[in-house]
């Protein structure tokens, strides 16, 4: 179900193996379908790219949306968890079916506009210098302004 990060990559879940490694596979248990939106800065974070590449093999889907959006998590299209404060310091649970449907529709609209990413390719950029990353992004067709925004 929909999930998303707001303004920053949240990276892999905190259930990482010792040493920051991504686990080989999730624990056995009930199946979960997850679609996750990241901000463009997630593409520059090697840990996030490696996690997304690995988790894609588990059936999770990740895309990048270069627009502001709020973090939202929906469970079974019945309960949504949304920020209850501007600084994301608290959350509210939404159980009203019409409100949950509206949140899911908004997420799906964002999902359709979001960029598909080959996460496995991004994990290989870790060893590149900033100059090499700039050259690679320009070669991919990004403008200088877009490159500056992506690399900070």
C-alpha atoms as a PDB file:
ATOM      1  CA  UNK A   1       0.000   0.000   0.000  1.00  0.00           C
ATOM      2  CA  UNK A   2       1.093   3.586  -0.396  1.00  0.00           C
ATOM      3  CA  UNK A   3       3.895   4.957   1.682  1.00  0.00           C
ATOM      4  CA  UNK A   4       6.085   7.938   1.092  1.00  0.00           C
ATOM      5  CA  UNK A   5       8.884  10.056   2.448  1.00  0.00           C
ATOM      6  CA  UNK A   6       8.679  13.801   2.783  1.00  0.00           C
ATOM      7  CA  UNK A   7      11.648  15.966   1.904  1.00  0.00           C
ATOM      8  CA  UNK A   8      14.361  13.478   2.730  1.00  0.00           C
ATOM      9  CA  UNK A   9      15.175   9.858   2.063  1.00  0.00           C
ATOM     10  CA  UNK A  10      14.332   7.740   5.057  1.00  0.00           C
ATOM     11  CA  UNK A  11      16.583   4.970   3.816  1.00  0.00           C
ATOM     12  CA  UNK A  12      16.297   1.356   4.789  1.00  0.00           C
ATOM     13  CA  UNK A  13      14.095   0.396   7.707  1.00  0.00           C
ATOM     14  CA  UNK A  14      15.714   0.263  11.133  1.00  0.00           C
ATOM     15  CA  UNK A  15      15.616  -3.550  11.088  1.00  0.00           C
ATOM     16  CA  UNK A  16      19.008  -3.655   9.372  1.00  0.00           C
ATOM     17  CA  UNK A  17      21.515  -6.342  10.101  1.00  0.00           C
ATOM     18  CA  UNK A  18      24.589  -5.486  12.164  1.00  0.00           C
ATOM     19  CA  UNK A  19      27.069  -3.230  10.411  1.00  0.00           C
ATOM     20  CA  UNK A  20      24.402  -1.422   8.407  1.00  0.00           C
ATOM     21  CA  UNK A  21      23.967  -4.260   5.915  1.00  0.00           C
ATOM     22  CA  UNK A  22      20.588  -4.809   4.339  1.00  0.00           C
ATOM     23  CA  UNK A  23      19.159  -8.205   5.337  1.00  0.00           C
ATOM     24  CA  UNK A  24      19.145 -10.866   2.608  1.00  0.00           C
ATOM     25  CA  UNK A  25      15.348 -11.201   2.769  1.00  0.00           C
ATOM     26  CA  UNK A  26      12.529 -10.026   5.012  1.00  0.00           C
ATOM     27  CA  UNK A  27      11.419 -12.278   7.856  1.00  0.00           C
ATOM     28  CA  UNK A  28       8.873 -14.904   6.902  1.00  0.00           C
ATOM     29  CA  UNK A  29       5.379 -13.716   7.643  1.00  0.00           C
ATOM     30  CA  UNK A  30       2.312 -12.292   5.998  1.00  0.00           C
ATOM     31  CA  UNK A  31       2.914 -10.804   2.574  1.00  0.00           C
ATOM     32  CA  UNK A  32       3.100  -7.056   2.179  1.00  0.00           C
ATOM     33  CA  UNK A  33       2.705  -4.998  -0.962  1.00  0.00           C
ATOM     34  CA  UNK A  34       4.472  -1.676  -0.658  1.00  0.00           C
ATOM     35  CA  UNK A  35       4.876   1.247  -3.034  1.00  0.00           C
ATOM     36  CA  UNK A  36       7.248   3.941  -1.801  1.00  0.00           C
ATOM     37  CA  UNK A  37       7.902   7.454  -3.075  1.00  0.00           C
ATOM     38  CA  UNK A  38      11.252   9.076  -2.393  1.00  0.00           C
ATOM     39  CA  UNK A  39      12.519  12.595  -2.975  1.00  0.00           C
ATOM     40  CA  UNK A  40      15.268  12.890  -5.656  1.00  0.00           C
ATOM     41  CA  UNK A  41      17.985  13.095  -2.989  1.00  0.00           C
ATOM     42  CA  UNK A  42      17.370   9.390  -2.293  1.00  0.00           C
ATOM     43  CA  UNK A  43      19.052   8.590  -5.601  1.00  0.00           C
ATOM     44  CA  UNK A  44      22.311  10.055  -4.285  1.00  0.00           C
ATOM     45  CA  UNK A  45      22.297   7.962  -1.107  1.00  0.00           C
ATOM     46  CA  UNK A  46      24.105   4.667  -1.683  1.00  0.00           C
ATOM     47  CA  UNK A  47      22.459   2.887   1.261  1.00  0.00           C
ATOM     48  CA  UNK A  48      18.986   3.850   0.063  1.00  0.00           C
ATOM     49  CA  UNK A  49      19.782   2.794  -3.508  1.00  0.00           C
ATOM     50  CA  UNK A  50      21.119  -0.582  -2.359  1.00  0.00           C
ATOM     51  CA  UNK A  51      18.094  -1.125  -0.086  1.00  0.00           C
ATOM     52  CA  UNK A  52      15.642  -0.222  -2.867  1.00  0.00           C
ATOM     53  CA  UNK A  53      17.453  -2.532  -5.307  1.00  0.00           C
ATOM     54  CA  UNK A  54      17.289  -5.412  -2.819  1.00  0.00           C
ATOM     55  CA  UNK A  55      13.707  -4.748  -1.674  1.00  0.00           C
ATOM     56  CA  UNK A  56      12.514  -4.565  -5.280  1.00  0.00           C
ATOM     57  CA  UNK A  57      13.315  -8.267  -5.404  1.00  0.00           C
ATOM     58  CA  UNK A  58      10.920  -8.758  -2.489  1.00  0.00           C
ATOM     59  CA  UNK A  59       8.090  -7.165  -4.473  1.00  0.00           C
ATOM     60  CA  UNK A  60       8.364  -3.617  -3.117  1.00  0.00           C
ATOM     61  CA  UNK A  61       8.140  -0.771  -5.632  1.00  0.00           C
ATOM     62  CA  UNK A  62      10.046   2.518  -5.417  1.00  0.00           C
ATOM     63  CA  UNK A  63       9.853   5.690  -7.467  1.00  0.00           C
ATOM     64  CA  UNK A  64      11.155   9.243  -7.174  1.00  0.00           C
ATOM     65  CA  UNK A  65       8.897  12.298  -7.216  1.00  0.00           C
ATOM     66  CA  UNK A  66      10.532  15.695  -7.696  1.00  0.00           C
ATOM     67  CA  UNK A  67       7.657  17.586  -6.043  1.00  0.00           C
ATOM     68  CA  UNK A  68       6.748  18.248  -2.435  1.00  0.00           C
ATOM     69  CA  UNK A  69       4.584  15.555  -0.863  1.00  0.00           C
ATOM     70  CA  UNK A  70       3.674  14.458   2.650  1.00  0.00           C
ATOM     71  CA  UNK A  71       4.527  11.131   4.182  1.00  0.00           C
ATOM     72  CA  UNK A  72       1.486   8.840   4.213  1.00  0.00           C
ATOM     73  CA  UNK A  73       1.168   5.168   5.042  1.00  0.00           C
ATOM     74  CA  UNK A  74      -1.953   3.171   4.244  1.00  0.00           C
ATOM     75  CA  UNK A  75      -2.711  -0.295   5.594  1.00  0.00           C
ATOM     76  CA  UNK A  76      -5.097  -2.564   3.695  1.00  0.00           C
ATOM     77  CA  UNK A  77      -6.792   0.513   2.198  1.00  0.00           C
ATOM     78  CA  UNK A  78      -8.604   0.833   5.531  1.00  0.00           C
ATOM     79  CA  UNK A  79      -6.347   2.850   7.832  1.00  0.00           C
ATOM     80  CA  UNK A  80      -4.048   5.727   6.888  1.00  0.00           C
ATOM     81  CA  UNK A  81      -1.332   7.248   9.040  1.00  0.00           C
ATOM     82  CA  UNK A  82      -0.637  10.900   8.244  1.00  0.00           C
ATOM     83  CA  UNK A  83       1.427  13.647   9.890  1.00  0.00           C
ATOM     84  CA  UNK A  84      -0.483  15.496  12.602  1.00  0.00           C
ATOM     85  CA  UNK A  85       2.111  18.270  12.971  1.00  0.00           C
ATOM     86  CA  UNK A  86       4.062  20.352  10.464  1.00  0.00           C
ATOM     87  CA  UNK A  87       7.376  18.968  11.786  1.00  0.00           C
ATOM     88  CA  UNK A  88       6.186  15.322  11.536  1.00  0.00           C
ATOM     89  CA  UNK A  89       6.570  14.963  15.314  1.00  0.00           C
ATOM     90  CA  UNK A  90       3.177  13.269  15.671  1.00  0.00           C
ATOM     91  CA  UNK A  91       0.799  11.231  13.553  1.00  0.00           C
ATOM     92  CA  UNK A  92      -2.938  10.791  13.132  1.00  0.00           C
ATOM     93  CA  UNK A  93      -4.827   7.643  12.189  1.00  0.00           C
ATOM     94  CA  UNK A  94      -7.537   8.051   9.569  1.00  0.00           C
ATOM     95  CA  UNK A  95     -10.204   5.359   9.458  1.00  0.00           C
ATOM     96  CA  UNK A  96     -13.008   7.094   7.542  1.00  0.00           C
ATOM     97  CA  UNK A  97     -13.306   5.121   4.251  1.00  0.00           C
ATOM     98  CA  UNK A  98     -13.924   8.201   2.077  1.00  0.00           C
ATOM     99  CA  UNK A  99     -10.883   9.985   3.537  1.00  0.00           C
ATOM    100  CA  UNK A 100      -8.669   6.909   3.108  1.00  0.00           C
ATOM    101  CA  UNK A 101      -9.862   6.545  -0.506  1.00  0.00           C
ATOM    102  CA  UNK A 102      -8.966  10.205  -1.129  1.00  0.00           C
ATOM    103  CA  UNK A 103      -5.458   9.691   0.299  1.00  0.00           C
ATOM    104  CA  UNK A 104      -4.948   6.556  -1.809  1.00  0.00           C
ATOM    105  CA  UNK A 105      -6.142   8.400  -4.939  1.00  0.00           C
ATOM    106  CA  UNK A 106      -3.727  11.273  -4.246  1.00  0.00           C
ATOM    107  CA  UNK A 107      -0.866   8.812  -3.775  1.00  0.00           C
ATOM    108  CA  UNK A 108      -1.707   6.981  -6.999  1.00  0.00           C
ATOM    109  CA  UNK A 109      -1.790  10.291  -8.873  1.00  0.00           C
ATOM    110  CA  UNK A 110       1.674  11.129  -7.499  1.00  0.00           C
ATOM    111  CA  UNK A 111       2.872   7.597  -8.283  1.00  0.00           C
ATOM    112  CA  UNK A 112       1.934   7.949 -11.941  1.00  0.00           C
ATOM    113  CA  UNK A 113       3.933  11.196 -12.225  1.00  0.00           C
ATOM    114  CA  UNK A 114       6.941   9.805 -10.368  1.00  0.00           C
ATOM    115  CA  UNK A 115      10.129   8.674 -12.096  1.00  0.00           C
ATOM    116  CA  UNK A 116      10.954   4.990 -12.403  1.00  0.00           C
ATOM    117  CA  UNK A 117      14.495   4.356 -11.212  1.00  0.00           C
ATOM    118  CA  UNK A 118      16.972   1.553 -11.872  1.00  0.00           C
ATOM    119  CA  UNK A 119      18.134   1.361  -8.249  1.00  0.00           C
ATOM    120  CA  UNK A 120      20.699  -1.343  -8.932  1.00  0.00           C
ATOM    121  CA  UNK A 121      22.552   1.058 -11.253  1.00  0.00           C
ATOM    122  CA  UNK A 122      22.578   3.841  -8.649  1.00  0.00           C
ATOM    123  CA  UNK A 123      24.266   1.694  -6.018  1.00  0.00           C
ATOM    124  CA  UNK A 124      27.268   1.587  -8.335  1.00  0.00           C
ATOM    125  CA  UNK A 125      27.757   5.407  -8.208  1.00  0.00           C
ATOM    126  CA  UNK A 126      29.130   5.347  -4.664  1.00  0.00           C
ATOM    127  CA  UNK A 127      32.774   5.346  -5.746  1.00  0.00           C
ATOM    128  CA  UNK A 128      32.446   8.267  -8.165  1.00  0.00           C
ATOM    129  CA  UNK A 129      33.866  11.699  -7.436  1.00  0.00           C
ATOM    130  CA  UNK A 130      31.510  14.681  -7.530  1.00  0.00           C
ATOM    131  CA  UNK A 131      32.938  15.675 -10.925  1.00  0.00           C
ATOM    132  CA  UNK A 132      32.261  12.191 -12.284  1.00  0.00           C
ATOM    133  CA  UNK A 133      28.713  12.221 -10.876  1.00  0.00           C
ATOM    134  CA  UNK A 134      28.062  15.615 -12.491  1.00  0.00           C
ATOM    135  CA  UNK A 135      29.351  14.342 -15.834  1.00  0.00           C
ATOM    136  CA  UNK A 136      27.240  11.212 -15.599  1.00  0.00           C
ATOM    137  CA  UNK A 137      24.062  13.157 -14.761  1.00  0.00           C
ATOM    138  CA  UNK A 138      24.685  15.650 -17.579  1.00  0.00           C
ATOM    139  CA  UNK A 139      25.218  12.745 -19.964  1.00  0.00           C
ATOM    140  CA  UNK A 140      21.844  11.355 -18.847  1.00  0.00           C
ATOM    141  CA  UNK A 141      20.266  14.583 -20.101  1.00  0.00           C
ATOM    142  CA  UNK A 142      19.745  16.553 -16.886  1.00  0.00           C
ATOM    143  CA  UNK A 143      20.193  20.317 -17.003  1.00  0.00           C
ATOM    144  CA  UNK A 144      22.866  22.019 -14.924  1.00  0.00           C
ATOM    145  CA  UNK A 145      20.143  23.315 -12.614  1.00  0.00           C
ATOM    146  CA  UNK A 146      18.698  19.807 -12.149  1.00  0.00           C
ATOM    147  CA  UNK A 147      22.175  18.381 -11.446  1.00  0.00           C
ATOM    148  CA  UNK A 148      22.797  21.085  -8.843  1.00  0.00           C
ATOM    149  CA  UNK A 149      19.478  20.285  -7.197  1.00  0.00           C
ATOM    150  CA  UNK A 150      20.183  16.559  -7.109  1.00  0.00           C
ATOM    151  CA  UNK A 151      23.710  16.817  -5.759  1.00  0.00           C
ATOM    152  CA  UNK A 152      23.021  19.717  -3.427  1.00  0.00           C
END
